[in-house]
PDB file of all heavy atoms in Angstrom:
ATOM      1  N   PRO A   1       0.798  -1.230  -0.012  1.00  0.00           N
ATOM      2  CA  PRO A   1       0.007  -0.004  -0.011  1.00  0.00           C
ATOM      3  C   PRO A   1       0.825   1.288  -0.001  1.00  0.00           C
ATOM      4  O   PRO A   1       0.322   2.340  -0.343  1.00  0.00           O
ATOM      5  CB  PRO A   1      -0.813  -0.115   1.306  1.00  0.00           C
ATOM      6  CG  PRO A   1      -0.777  -1.569   1.662  1.00  0.00           C
ATOM      7  CD  PRO A   1       0.534  -2.055   1.186  1.00  0.00           C
ATOM      8  N   TYR A   2       2.074   1.212   0.399  1.00  0.00           N
ATOM      9  CA  TYR A   2       2.900   2.393   0.549  1.00  0.00           C
ATOM     10  C   TYR A   2       3.787   2.657  -0.664  1.00  0.00           C
ATOM     11  O   TYR A   2       4.509   3.659  -0.703  1.00  0.00           O
ATOM     12  CB  TYR A   2       3.767   2.237   1.813  1.00  0.00           C
ATOM     13  CG  TYR A   2       2.917   2.001   3.048  1.00  0.00           C
ATOM     14  CD1 TYR A   2       2.758   0.744   3.540  1.00  0.00           C
ATOM     15  CD2 TYR A   2       2.296   3.092   3.690  1.00  0.00           C
ATOM     16  CE1 TYR A   2       1.944   0.530   4.628  1.00  0.00           C
ATOM     17  CE2 TYR A   2       1.494   2.854   4.795  1.00  0.00           C
ATOM     18  CZ  TYR A   2       1.318   1.574   5.273  1.00  0.00           C
ATOM     19  OH  TYR A   2       0.526   1.360   6.387  1.00  0.00           O
ATOM     20  N   ALA A   3       3.760   1.779  -1.627  1.00  0.00           N
ATOM     21  CA  ALA A   3       4.556   1.976  -2.847  1.00  0.00           C
ATOM     22  C   ALA A   3       3.608   2.454  -3.966  1.00  0.00           C
ATOM     23  O   ALA A   3       2.571   1.868  -4.210  1.00  0.00           O
ATOM     24  CB  ALA A   3       5.241   0.680  -3.299  1.00  0.00           C
ATOM     25  N   ASP A   4       3.981   3.543  -4.626  1.00  0.00           N
ATOM     26  CA  ASP A   4       3.196   4.065  -5.730  1.00  0.00           C
ATOM     27  C   ASP A   4       3.412   3.296  -7.004  1.00  0.00           C
ATOM     28  O   ASP A   4       2.559   3.291  -7.870  1.00  0.00           O
ATOM     29  CB  ASP A   4       3.547   5.559  -5.936  1.00  0.00           C
ATOM     30  CG  ASP A   4       3.188   6.406  -4.719  1.00  0.00           C
ATOM     31  OD1 ASP A   4       2.000   6.669  -4.528  1.00  0.00           O
ATOM     32  OD2 ASP A   4       4.114   6.739  -3.981  1.00  0.00           O
ATOM     33  N   ALA A   5       4.548   2.698  -7.130  1.00  0.00           N
ATOM     34  CA  ALA A   5       4.856   1.807  -8.274  1.00  0.00           C
ATOM     35  C   ALA A   5       5.694   0.653  -7.802  1.00  0.00           C
ATOM     36  O   ALA A   5       6.541   0.824  -6.908  1.00  0.00           O
ATOM     37  CB  ALA A   5       5.578   2.550  -9.384  1.00  0.00           C
ATOM     38  N   ILE A   6       5.435  -0.532  -8.336  1.00  0.00           N
ATOM     39  CA  ILE A   6       6.181  -1.725  -7.990  1.00  0.00           C
ATOM     40  C   ILE A   6       6.598  -2.453  -9.275  1.00  0.00           C
ATOM     41  O   ILE A   6       5.783  -2.673 -10.191  1.00  0.00           O
ATOM     42  CB  ILE A   6       5.352  -2.675  -7.120  1.00  0.00           C
ATOM     43  CG1 ILE A   6       4.912  -1.998  -5.828  1.00  0.00           C
ATOM     44  CG2 ILE A   6       6.131  -3.950  -6.778  1.00  0.00           C
ATOM     45  CD1 ILE A   6       3.970  -2.840  -4.981  1.00  0.00           C
ATOM     46  N   LEU A   7       7.874  -2.782  -9.352  1.00  0.00           N
ATOM     47  CA  LEU A   7       8.390  -3.504 -10.510  1.00  0.00           C
ATOM     48  C   LEU A   7       9.098  -4.769 -10.017  1.00  0.00           C
ATOM     49  O   LEU A   7       9.933  -4.702  -9.101  1.00  0.00           O
ATOM     50  CB  LEU A   7       9.345  -2.678 -11.340  1.00  0.00           C
ATOM     51  CG  LEU A   7       8.798  -1.375 -11.935  1.00  0.00           C
ATOM     52  CD1 LEU A   7       9.290  -0.213 -11.108  1.00  0.00           C
ATOM     53  CD2 LEU A   7       9.251  -1.206 -13.394  1.00  0.00           C
ATOM     54  N   MET A   8       8.763  -5.929 -10.623  1.00  0.00           N
ATOM     55  CA  MET A   8       9.500  -7.129 -10.372  1.00  0.00           C
ATOM     56  C   MET A   8      10.660  -7.197 -11.343  1.00  0.00           C
ATOM     57  O   MET A   8      10.476  -7.325 -12.546  1.00  0.00           O
ATOM     58  CB  MET A   8       8.602  -8.378 -10.586  1.00  0.00           C
ATOM     59  CG  MET A   8       9.260  -9.695 -10.197  1.00  0.00           C
ATOM     60  SD  MET A   8       9.583  -9.790  -8.399  1.00  0.00           S
ATOM     61  CE  MET A   8      10.848 -11.069  -8.324  1.00  0.00           C
ATOM     62  N   THR A   9      11.892  -7.059 -10.804  1.00  0.00           N
ATOM     63  CA  THR A   9      13.057  -6.994 -11.661  1.00  0.00           C
ATOM     64  C   THR A   9      13.901  -8.242 -11.646  1.00  0.00           C
ATOM     65  O   THR A   9      14.914  -8.291 -12.358  1.00  0.00           O
ATOM     66  CB  THR A   9      13.953  -5.782 -11.266  1.00  0.00           C
ATOM     67  OG1 THR A   9      14.534  -6.032  -9.989  1.00  0.00           O
ATOM     68  CG2 THR A   9      13.160  -4.470 -11.189  1.00  0.00           C
ATOM     69  N   TRP A  10      13.545  -9.260 -10.879  1.00  0.00           N
ATOM     70  CA  TRP A  10      14.285 -10.511 -10.859  1.00  0.00           C
ATOM     71  C   TRP A  10      15.767 -10.225 -10.610  1.00  0.00           C
ATOM     72  O   TRP A  10      16.114  -9.328  -9.851  1.00  0.00           O
ATOM     73  CB  TRP A  10      14.098 -11.305 -12.138  1.00  0.00           C
ATOM     74  CG  TRP A  10      12.723 -11.333 -12.671  1.00  0.00           C
ATOM     75  CD1 TRP A  10      12.187 -10.551 -13.685  1.00  0.00           C
ATOM     76  CD2 TRP A  10      11.594 -12.118 -12.228  1.00  0.00           C
ATOM     77  NE1 TRP A  10      10.858 -10.808 -13.900  1.00  0.00           N
ATOM     78  CE2 TRP A  10      10.456 -11.790 -13.012  1.00  0.00           C
ATOM     79  CE3 TRP A  10      11.458 -13.087 -11.254  1.00  0.00           C
ATOM     80  CZ2 TRP A  10       9.215 -12.394 -12.833  1.00  0.00           C
ATOM     81  CZ3 TRP A  10      10.236 -13.696 -11.081  1.00  0.00           C
ATOM     82  CH2 TRP A  10       9.116 -13.363 -11.870  1.00  0.00           C
ATOM     83  N   TRP A  11      16.651 -10.961 -11.247  1.00  0.00           N
ATOM     84  CA  TRP A  11      18.106 -10.640 -11.375  1.00  0.00           C
ATOM     85  C   TRP A  11      18.347 -10.590 -12.863  1.00  0.00           C
ATOM     86  O   TRP A  11      18.164 -11.585 -13.571  1.00  0.00           O
ATOM     87  CB  TRP A  11      18.966 -11.660 -10.685  1.00  0.00           C
ATOM     88  CG  TRP A  11      18.786 -11.648  -9.185  1.00  0.00           C
ATOM     89  CD1 TRP A  11      18.929 -10.570  -8.359  1.00  0.00           C
ATOM     90  CD2 TRP A  11      18.426 -12.754  -8.389  1.00  0.00           C
ATOM     91  NE1 TRP A  11      18.683 -10.950  -7.049  1.00  0.00           N
ATOM     92  CE2 TRP A  11      18.354 -12.292  -7.040  1.00  0.00           C
ATOM     93  CE3 TRP A  11      18.143 -14.069  -8.626  1.00  0.00           C
ATOM     94  CZ2 TRP A  11      18.013 -13.082  -5.963  1.00  0.00           C
ATOM     95  CZ3 TRP A  11      17.818 -14.882  -7.582  1.00  0.00           C
ATOM     96  CH2 TRP A  11      17.774 -14.424  -6.251  1.00  0.00           C
ATOM     97  N   LEU A  12      18.812  -9.455 -13.332  1.00  0.00           N
ATOM     98  CA  LEU A  12      18.806  -9.192 -14.785  1.00  0.00           C
ATOM     99  C   LEU A  12      20.150  -9.399 -15.465  1.00  0.00           C
ATOM    100  O   LEU A  12      20.247  -9.217 -16.683  1.00  0.00           O
ATOM    101  CB  LEU A  12      18.296  -7.775 -15.032  1.00  0.00           C
ATOM    102  CG  LEU A  12      16.839  -7.547 -14.561  1.00  0.00           C
ATOM    103  CD1 LEU A  12      16.461  -6.069 -14.797  1.00  0.00           C
ATOM    104  CD2 LEU A  12      15.889  -8.461 -15.309  1.00  0.00           C
ATOM    105  N   GLY A  13      21.207  -9.661 -14.699  1.00  0.00           N
ATOM    106  CA  GLY A  13      22.484  -9.996 -15.337  1.00  0.00           C
ATOM    107  C   GLY A  13      23.380  -8.821 -15.562  1.00  0.00           C
ATOM    108  O   GLY A  13      23.359  -7.797 -14.851  1.00  0.00           O
ATOM    109  N   SER A  14      24.258  -8.923 -16.554  1.00  0.00           N
ATOM    110  CA  SER A  14      25.331  -7.992 -16.771  1.00  0.00           C
ATOM    111  C   SER A  14      24.855  -6.542 -17.003  1.00  0.00           C
ATOM    112  O   SER A  14      25.534  -5.612 -16.621  1.00  0.00           O
ATOM    113  CB  SER A  14      26.175  -8.430 -18.010  1.00  0.00           C
ATOM    114  OG  SER A  14      26.699  -9.722 -17.816  1.00  0.00           O
ATOM    115  N   GLU A  15      23.763  -6.399 -17.641  1.00  0.00           N
ATOM    116  CA  GLU A  15      23.219  -5.042 -17.996  1.00  0.00           C
ATOM    117  C   GLU A  15      22.047  -4.669 -17.061  1.00  0.00           C
ATOM    118  O   GLU A  15      21.240  -3.788 -17.452  1.00  0.00           O
ATOM    119  CB  GLU A  15      22.809  -5.001 -19.435  1.00  0.00           C
ATOM    120  CG  GLU A  15      23.976  -5.003 -20.403  1.00  0.00           C
ATOM    121  CD  GLU A  15      24.670  -3.643 -20.447  1.00  0.00           C
ATOM    122  OE1 GLU A  15      23.991  -2.612 -20.435  1.00  0.00           O
ATOM    123  OE2 GLU A  15      25.926  -3.642 -20.529  1.00  0.00           O
ATOM    124  N   ALA A  16      21.962  -5.212 -15.902  1.00  0.00           N
ATOM    125  CA  ALA A  16      20.823  -5.003 -15.000  1.00  0.00           C
ATOM    126  C   ALA A  16      20.467  -3.550 -14.825  1.00  0.00           C
ATOM    127  O   ALA A  16      19.318  -3.137 -14.988  1.00  0.00           O
ATOM    128  CB  ALA A  16      21.085  -5.667 -13.650  1.00  0.00           C
ATOM    129  N   GLY A  17      21.445  -2.737 -14.473  1.00  0.00           N
ATOM    130  CA  GLY A  17      21.156  -1.340 -14.183  1.00  0.00           C
ATOM    131  C   GLY A  17      20.623  -0.549 -15.367  1.00  0.00           C
ATOM    132  O   GLY A  17      19.737   0.252 -15.235  1.00  0.00           O
ATOM    133  N   ASN A  18      21.172  -0.812 -16.525  1.00  0.00           N
ATOM    134  CA  ASN A  18      20.688  -0.143 -17.734  1.00  0.00           C
ATOM    135  C   ASN A  18      19.289  -0.600 -18.083  1.00  0.00           C
ATOM    136  O   ASN A  18      18.438   0.220 -18.518  1.00  0.00           O
ATOM    137  CB  ASN A  18      21.638  -0.416 -18.932  1.00  0.00           C
ATOM    138  CG  ASN A  18      22.929   0.378 -18.819  1.00  0.00           C
ATOM    139  OD1 ASN A  18      22.984   1.479 -18.222  1.00  0.00           O
ATOM    140  ND2 ASN A  18      24.004  -0.168 -19.381  1.00  0.00           N
ATOM    141  N   SER A  19      19.018  -1.885 -17.893  1.00  0.00           N
ATOM    142  CA  SER A  19      17.665  -2.416 -18.183  1.00  0.00           C
ATOM    143  C   SER A  19      16.631  -1.707 -17.260  1.00  0.00           C
ATOM    144  O   SER A  19      15.555  -1.327 -17.703  1.00  0.00           O
ATOM    145  CB  SER A  19      17.611  -3.910 -17.992  1.00  0.00           C
ATOM    146  OG  SER A  19      18.490  -4.558 -18.896  1.00  0.00           O
ATOM    147  N   VAL A  20      16.954  -1.648 -15.989  1.00  0.00           N
ATOM    148  CA  VAL A  20      16.041  -1.018 -14.999  1.00  0.00           C
ATOM    149  C   VAL A  20      15.855   0.461 -15.390  1.00  0.00           C
ATOM    150  O   VAL A  20      14.719   0.970 -15.370  1.00  0.00           O
ATOM    151  CB  VAL A  20      16.526  -1.176 -13.577  1.00  0.00           C
ATOM    152  CG1 VAL A  20      15.731  -0.337 -12.614  1.00  0.00           C
ATOM    153  CG2 VAL A  20      16.525  -2.640 -13.175  1.00  0.00           C
ATOM    154  N   ALA A  21      16.922   1.126 -15.687  1.00  0.00           N
ATOM    155  CA  ALA A  21      16.856   2.551 -16.049  1.00  0.00           C
ATOM    156  C   ALA A  21      15.999   2.784 -17.288  1.00  0.00           C
ATOM    157  O   ALA A  21      15.248   3.750 -17.368  1.00  0.00           O
ATOM    158  CB  ALA A  21      18.266   3.123 -16.221  1.00  0.00           C
ATOM    159  N   ASP A  22      16.135   1.894 -18.277  1.00  0.00           N
ATOM    160  CA  ASP A  22      15.329   2.023 -19.495  1.00  0.00           C
ATOM    161  C   ASP A  22      13.820   1.933 -19.192  1.00  0.00           C
ATOM    162  O   ASP A  22      13.049   2.605 -19.855  1.00  0.00           O
ATOM    163  CB  ASP A  22      15.753   0.960 -20.512  1.00  0.00           C
ATOM    164  CG  ASP A  22      17.090   1.220 -21.139  1.00  0.00           C
ATOM    165  OD1 ASP A  22      17.604   2.343 -21.013  1.00  0.00           O
ATOM    166  OD2 ASP A  22      17.667   0.289 -21.776  1.00  0.00           O
ATOM    167  N   ILE A  23      13.474   1.103 -18.244  1.00  0.00           N
ATOM    168  CA  ILE A  23      12.074   0.963 -17.873  1.00  0.00           C
ATOM    169  C   ILE A  23      11.642   2.201 -17.078  1.00  0.00           C
ATOM    170  O   ILE A  23      10.585   2.821 -17.351  1.00  0.00           O
ATOM    171  CB  ILE A  23      11.839  -0.304 -17.001  1.00  0.00           C
ATOM    172  CG1 ILE A  23      12.015  -1.544 -17.878  1.00  0.00           C
ATOM    173  CG2 ILE A  23      10.458  -0.282 -16.375  1.00  0.00           C
ATOM    174  CD1 ILE A  23      10.905  -1.793 -18.890  1.00  0.00           C
ATOM    175  N   LEU A  24      12.415   2.614 -16.078  1.00  0.00           N
ATOM    176  CA  LEU A  24      12.048   3.745 -15.238  1.00  0.00           C
ATOM    177  C   LEU A  24      11.862   5.024 -16.016  1.00  0.00           C
ATOM    178  O   LEU A  24      10.993   5.845 -15.701  1.00  0.00           O
ATOM    179  CB  LEU A  24      13.086   3.942 -14.105  1.00  0.00           C
ATOM    180  CG  LEU A  24      13.158   2.816 -13.049  1.00  0.00           C
ATOM    181  CD1 LEU A  24      14.288   3.076 -12.091  1.00  0.00           C
ATOM    182  CD2 LEU A  24      11.853   2.667 -12.300  1.00  0.00           C
ATOM    183  N   THR A  25      12.701   5.221 -17.006  1.00  0.00           N
ATOM    184  CA  THR A  25      12.649   6.453 -17.777  1.00  0.00           C
ATOM    185  C   THR A  25      11.705   6.406 -18.943  1.00  0.00           C
ATOM    186  O   THR A  25      11.487   7.431 -19.599  1.00  0.00           O
ATOM    187  CB  THR A  25      14.059   6.835 -18.270  1.00  0.00           C
ATOM    188  OG1 THR A  25      14.534   5.765 -19.130  1.00  0.00           O
ATOM    189  CG2 THR A  25      15.030   7.030 -17.132  1.00  0.00           C
ATOM    190  N   GLY A  26      11.172   5.233 -19.255  1.00  0.00           N
ATOM    191  CA  GLY A  26      10.258   5.104 -20.353  1.00  0.00           C
ATOM    192  C   GLY A  26      10.928   4.870 -21.688  1.00  0.00           C
ATOM    193  O   GLY A  26      10.281   4.842 -22.752  1.00  0.00           O
ATOM    194  N   LYS A  27      12.275   4.698 -21.700  1.00  0.00           N
ATOM    195  CA  LYS A  27      12.939   4.378 -22.929  1.00  0.00           C
ATOM    196  C   LYS A  27      12.403   3.050 -23.481  1.00  0.00           C
ATOM    197  O   LYS A  27      12.318   2.852 -24.691  1.00  0.00           O
ATOM    198  CB  LYS A  27      14.464   4.274 -22.697  1.00  0.00           C
ATOM    199  CG  LYS A  27      15.224   3.992 -23.982  1.00  0.00           C
ATOM    200  CD  LYS A  27      16.748   3.995 -23.721  1.00  0.00           C
ATOM    201  CE  LYS A  27      17.492   3.713 -25.008  1.00  0.00           C
ATOM    202  NZ  LYS A  27      18.975   3.724 -24.768  1.00  0.00           N
ATOM    203  N   TYR A  28      12.047   2.158 -22.579  1.00  0.00           N
ATOM    204  CA  TYR A  28      11.356   0.910 -22.939  1.00  0.00           C
ATOM    205  C   TYR A  28      10.078   0.806 -22.104  1.00  0.00           C
ATOM    206  O   TYR A  28      10.136   0.912 -20.879  1.00  0.00           O
ATOM    207  CB  TYR A  28      12.266  -0.311 -22.699  1.00  0.00           C
ATOM    208  CG  TYR A  28      11.627  -1.587 -23.242  1.00  0.00           C
ATOM    209  CD1 TYR A  28      11.931  -2.035 -24.513  1.00  0.00           C
ATOM    210  CD2 TYR A  28      10.698  -2.322 -22.496  1.00  0.00           C
ATOM    211  CE1 TYR A  28      11.358  -3.183 -25.040  1.00  0.00           C
ATOM    212  CE2 TYR A  28      10.108  -3.456 -23.001  1.00  0.00           C
ATOM    213  CZ  TYR A  28      10.451  -3.883 -24.286  1.00  0.00           C
ATOM    214  OH  TYR A  28       9.849  -5.006 -24.816  1.00  0.00           O
ATOM    215  N   ASN A  29       8.968   0.697 -22.804  1.00  0.00           N
ATOM    216  CA  ASN A  29       7.688   0.569 -22.137  1.00  0.00           C
ATOM    217  C   ASN A  29       7.537  -0.842 -21.621  1.00  0.00           C
ATOM    218  O   ASN A  29       7.630  -1.811 -22.381  1.00  0.00           O
ATOM    219  CB  ASN A  29       6.566   0.906 -23.152  1.00  0.00           C
ATOM    220  CG  ASN A  29       5.199   0.964 -22.486  1.00  0.00           C
ATOM    221  OD1 ASN A  29       5.002   0.648 -21.335  1.00  0.00           O
ATOM    222  ND2 ASN A  29       4.226   1.437 -23.263  1.00  0.00           N
ATOM    223  N   PRO A  30       7.331  -1.047 -20.281  1.00  0.00           N
ATOM    224  CA  PRO A  30       7.304  -2.395 -19.738  1.00  0.00           C
ATOM    225  C   PRO A  30       6.296  -3.298 -20.459  1.00  0.00           C
ATOM    226  O   PRO A  30       5.161  -2.887 -20.700  1.00  0.00           O
ATOM    227  CB  PRO A  30       6.995  -2.188 -18.261  1.00  0.00           C
ATOM    228  CG  PRO A  30       6.470  -0.809 -18.180  1.00  0.00           C
ATOM    229  CD  PRO A  30       7.114  -0.051 -19.265  1.00  0.00           C
ATOM    230  N   SER A  31       6.732  -4.509 -20.778  1.00  0.00           N
ATOM    231  CA  SER A  31       5.902  -5.456 -21.492  1.00  0.00           C
ATOM    232  C   SER A  31       5.900  -6.849 -20.839  1.00  0.00           C
ATOM    233  O   SER A  31       5.257  -7.765 -21.339  1.00  0.00           O
ATOM    234  CB  SER A  31       6.312  -5.586 -22.935  1.00  0.00           C
ATOM    235  OG  SER A  31       7.672  -6.032 -23.038  1.00  0.00           O
ATOM    236  N   GLY A  32       6.618  -6.995 -19.734  1.00  0.00           N
ATOM    237  CA  GLY A  32       6.762  -8.291 -19.091  1.00  0.00           C
ATOM    238  C   GLY A  32       5.460  -8.758 -18.446  1.00  0.00           C
ATOM    239  O   GLY A  32       4.623  -7.948 -18.007  1.00  0.00           O
ATOM    240  N   LYS A  33       5.283 -10.062 -18.368  1.00  0.00           N
ATOM    241  CA  LYS A  33       4.133 -10.706 -17.750  1.00  0.00           C
ATOM    242  C   LYS A  33       4.616 -11.791 -16.779  1.00  0.00           C
ATOM    243  O   LYS A  33       5.667 -12.409 -17.028  1.00  0.00           O
ATOM    244  CB  LYS A  33       3.208 -11.371 -18.769  1.00  0.00           C
ATOM    245  CG  LYS A  33       2.711 -10.410 -19.867  1.00  0.00           C
ATOM    246  CD  LYS A  33       1.597  -9.488 -19.375  1.00  0.00           C
ATOM    247  CE  LYS A  33       1.067  -8.665 -20.494  1.00  0.00           C
ATOM    248  NZ  LYS A  33      -0.060  -7.758 -20.046  1.00  0.00           N
ATOM    249  N   LEU A  34       3.900 -12.026 -15.719  1.00  0.00           N
ATOM    250  CA  LEU A  34       4.305 -13.008 -14.741  1.00  0.00           C
ATOM    251  C   LEU A  34       4.131 -14.430 -15.262  1.00  0.00           C
ATOM    252  O   LEU A  34       3.019 -14.807 -15.612  1.00  0.00           O
ATOM    253  CB  LEU A  34       3.511 -12.851 -13.455  1.00  0.00           C
ATOM    254  CG  LEU A  34       3.749 -11.593 -12.636  1.00  0.00           C
ATOM    255  CD1 LEU A  34       2.824 -11.597 -11.410  1.00  0.00           C
ATOM    256  CD2 LEU A  34       5.199 -11.451 -12.240  1.00  0.00           C
ATOM    257  N   PRO A  35       5.211 -15.247 -15.324  1.00  0.00           N
ATOM    258  CA  PRO A  35       5.085 -16.651 -15.731  1.00  0.00           C
ATOM    259  C   PRO A  35       4.724 -17.562 -14.567  1.00  0.00           C
ATOM    260  O   PRO A  35       4.668 -18.759 -14.696  1.00  0.00           O
ATOM    261  CB  PRO A  35       6.471 -16.964 -16.295  1.00  0.00           C
ATOM    262  CG  PRO A  35       7.377 -16.112 -15.476  1.00  0.00           C
ATOM    263  CD  PRO A  35       6.623 -14.870 -15.151  1.00  0.00           C
ATOM    264  N   VAL A  36       4.546 -16.934 -13.379  1.00  0.00           N
ATOM    265  CA  VAL A  36       4.179 -17.663 -12.163  1.00  0.00           C
ATOM    266  C   VAL A  36       3.193 -16.816 -11.372  1.00  0.00           C
ATOM    267  O   VAL A  36       3.183 -15.584 -11.481  1.00  0.00           O
ATOM    268  CB  VAL A  36       5.422 -17.945 -11.247  1.00  0.00           C
ATOM    269  CG1 VAL A  36       6.254 -19.115 -11.773  1.00  0.00           C
ATOM    270  CG2 VAL A  36       6.302 -16.698 -11.167  1.00  0.00           C
ATOM    271  N   THR A  37       2.379 -17.476 -10.578  1.00  0.00           N
ATOM    272  CA  THR A  37       1.428 -16.811  -9.692  1.00  0.00           C
ATOM    273  C   THR A  37       2.142 -16.345  -8.462  1.00  0.00           C
ATOM    274  O   THR A  37       2.910 -17.086  -7.848  1.00  0.00           O
ATOM    275  CB  THR A  37       0.287 -17.777  -9.324  1.00  0.00           C
ATOM    276  OG1 THR A  37      -0.360 -18.199 -10.558  1.00  0.00           O
ATOM    277  CG2 THR A  37      -0.725 -17.093  -8.427  1.00  0.00           C
ATOM    278  N   PHE A  38       1.868 -15.114  -7.992  1.00  0.00           N
ATOM    279  CA  PHE A  38       2.394 -14.581  -6.758  1.00  0.00           C
ATOM    280  C   PHE A  38       1.378 -14.757  -5.656  1.00  0.00           C
ATOM    281  O   PHE A  38       0.275 -14.158  -5.748  1.00  0.00           O
ATOM    282  CB  PHE A  38       2.797 -13.134  -6.904  1.00  0.00           C
ATOM    283  CG  PHE A  38       4.175 -12.893  -7.478  1.00  0.00           C
ATOM    284  CD1 PHE A  38       4.621 -13.596  -8.606  1.00  0.00           C
ATOM    285  CD2 PHE A  38       5.034 -11.970  -6.907  1.00  0.00           C
ATOM    286  CE1 PHE A  38       5.868 -13.377  -9.143  1.00  0.00           C
ATOM    287  CE2 PHE A  38       6.282 -11.783  -7.441  1.00  0.00           C
ATOM    288  CZ  PHE A  38       6.709 -12.450  -8.545  1.00  0.00           C
ATOM    289  N   PRO A  39       1.647 -15.507  -4.602  1.00  0.00           N
ATOM    290  CA  PRO A  39       0.634 -15.704  -3.557  1.00  0.00           C
ATOM    291  C   PRO A  39       0.561 -14.473  -2.638  1.00  0.00           C
ATOM    292  O   PRO A  39       1.472 -13.654  -2.567  1.00  0.00           O
ATOM    293  CB  PRO A  39       1.171 -16.897  -2.800  1.00  0.00           C
ATOM    294  CG  PRO A  39       2.688 -16.840  -2.984  1.00  0.00           C
ATOM    295  CD  PRO A  39       2.855 -16.277  -4.369  1.00  0.00           C
ATOM    296  N   LYS A  40      -0.563 -14.375  -1.920  1.00  0.00           N
ATOM    297  CA  LYS A  40      -0.731 -13.367  -0.884  1.00  0.00           C
ATOM    298  C   LYS A  40      -0.053 -13.819   0.406  1.00  0.00           C
ATOM    299  O   LYS A  40       0.527 -13.054   1.167  1.00  0.00           O
ATOM    300  CB  LYS A  40      -2.194 -13.085  -0.605  1.00  0.00           C
ATOM    301  CG  LYS A  40      -2.871 -12.155  -1.603  1.00  0.00           C
ATOM    302  CD  LYS A  40      -4.313 -11.900  -1.167  1.00  0.00           C
ATOM    303  CE  LYS A  40      -4.979 -10.889  -2.112  1.00  0.00           C
ATOM    304  NZ  LYS A  40      -4.445  -9.552  -1.978  1.00  0.00           N
ATOM    305  N   GLN A  41      -0.167 -15.142   0.681  1.00  0.00           N
ATOM    306  CA  GLN A  41       0.402 -15.721   1.904  1.00  0.00           C
ATOM    307  C   GLN A  41       1.094 -17.036   1.534  1.00  0.00           C
ATOM    308  O   GLN A  41       0.624 -17.730   0.584  1.00  0.00           O
ATOM    309  CB  GLN A  41      -0.691 -16.009   2.937  1.00  0.00           C
ATOM    310  CG  GLN A  41      -1.461 -14.770   3.374  1.00  0.00           C
ATOM    311  CD  GLN A  41      -0.659 -13.818   4.210  1.00  0.00           C
ATOM    312  OE1 GLN A  41       0.418 -14.180   4.737  1.00  0.00           O
ATOM    313  NE2 GLN A  41      -1.137 -12.579   4.396  1.00  0.00           N
ATOM    314  N   VAL A  42       2.132 -17.371   2.249  1.00  0.00           N
ATOM    315  CA  VAL A  42       2.873 -18.593   1.934  1.00  0.00           C
ATOM    316  C   VAL A  42       1.978 -19.813   2.134  1.00  0.00           C
ATOM    317  O   VAL A  42       2.219 -20.855   1.479  1.00  0.00           O
ATOM    318  CB  VAL A  42       4.152 -18.707   2.784  1.00  0.00           C
ATOM    319  CG1 VAL A  42       3.823 -18.978   4.249  1.00  0.00           C
ATOM    320  CG2 VAL A  42       5.123 -19.743   2.224  1.00  0.00           C
ATOM    321  N   GLY A  43       0.971 -19.707   2.973  1.00  0.00           N
ATOM    322  CA  GLY A  43       0.075 -20.853   3.203  1.00  0.00           C
ATOM    323  C   GLY A  43      -0.755 -21.237   2.002  1.00  0.00           C
ATOM    324  O   GLY A  43      -1.389 -22.279   1.969  1.00  0.00           O
ATOM    325  N   GLN A  44      -0.762 -20.371   0.966  1.00  0.00           N
ATOM    326  CA  GLN A  44      -1.492 -20.717  -0.283  1.00  0.00           C
ATOM    327  C   GLN A  44      -0.674 -21.600  -1.173  1.00  0.00           C
ATOM    328  O   GLN A  44      -1.245 -22.164  -2.147  1.00  0.00           O
ATOM    329  CB  GLN A  44      -1.821 -19.401  -1.041  1.00  0.00           C
ATOM    330  CG  GLN A  44      -2.815 -18.481  -0.348  1.00  0.00           C
ATOM    331  CD  GLN A  44      -3.021 -17.197  -1.127  1.00  0.00           C
ATOM    332  OE1 GLN A  44      -2.043 -16.554  -1.546  1.00  0.00           O
ATOM    333  NE2 GLN A  44      -4.265 -16.820  -1.368  1.00  0.00           N
ATOM    334  N   CYS A  45       0.610 -21.775  -0.915  1.00  0.00           N
ATOM    335  CA  CYS A  45       1.485 -22.592  -1.791  1.00  0.00           C
ATOM    336  C   CYS A  45       1.188 -24.040  -1.589  1.00  0.00           C
ATOM    337  O   CYS A  45       0.993 -24.519  -0.481  1.00  0.00           O
ATOM    338  CB  CYS A  45       2.943 -22.287  -1.455  1.00  0.00           C
ATOM    339  SG  CYS A  45       3.455 -20.595  -1.797  1.00  0.00           S
TER     340      CYS A  45
END
């Protein structure tokens, strides 16, 4: 509730910082989709 924007960045490798910056600045419009479901609680797993 306290974050105005949330990005799942995983671990992006050698160019991680540039990739994140490209998203934050809009150089690349985010297009990623979750290949896994994110639970609300670990008890749902």
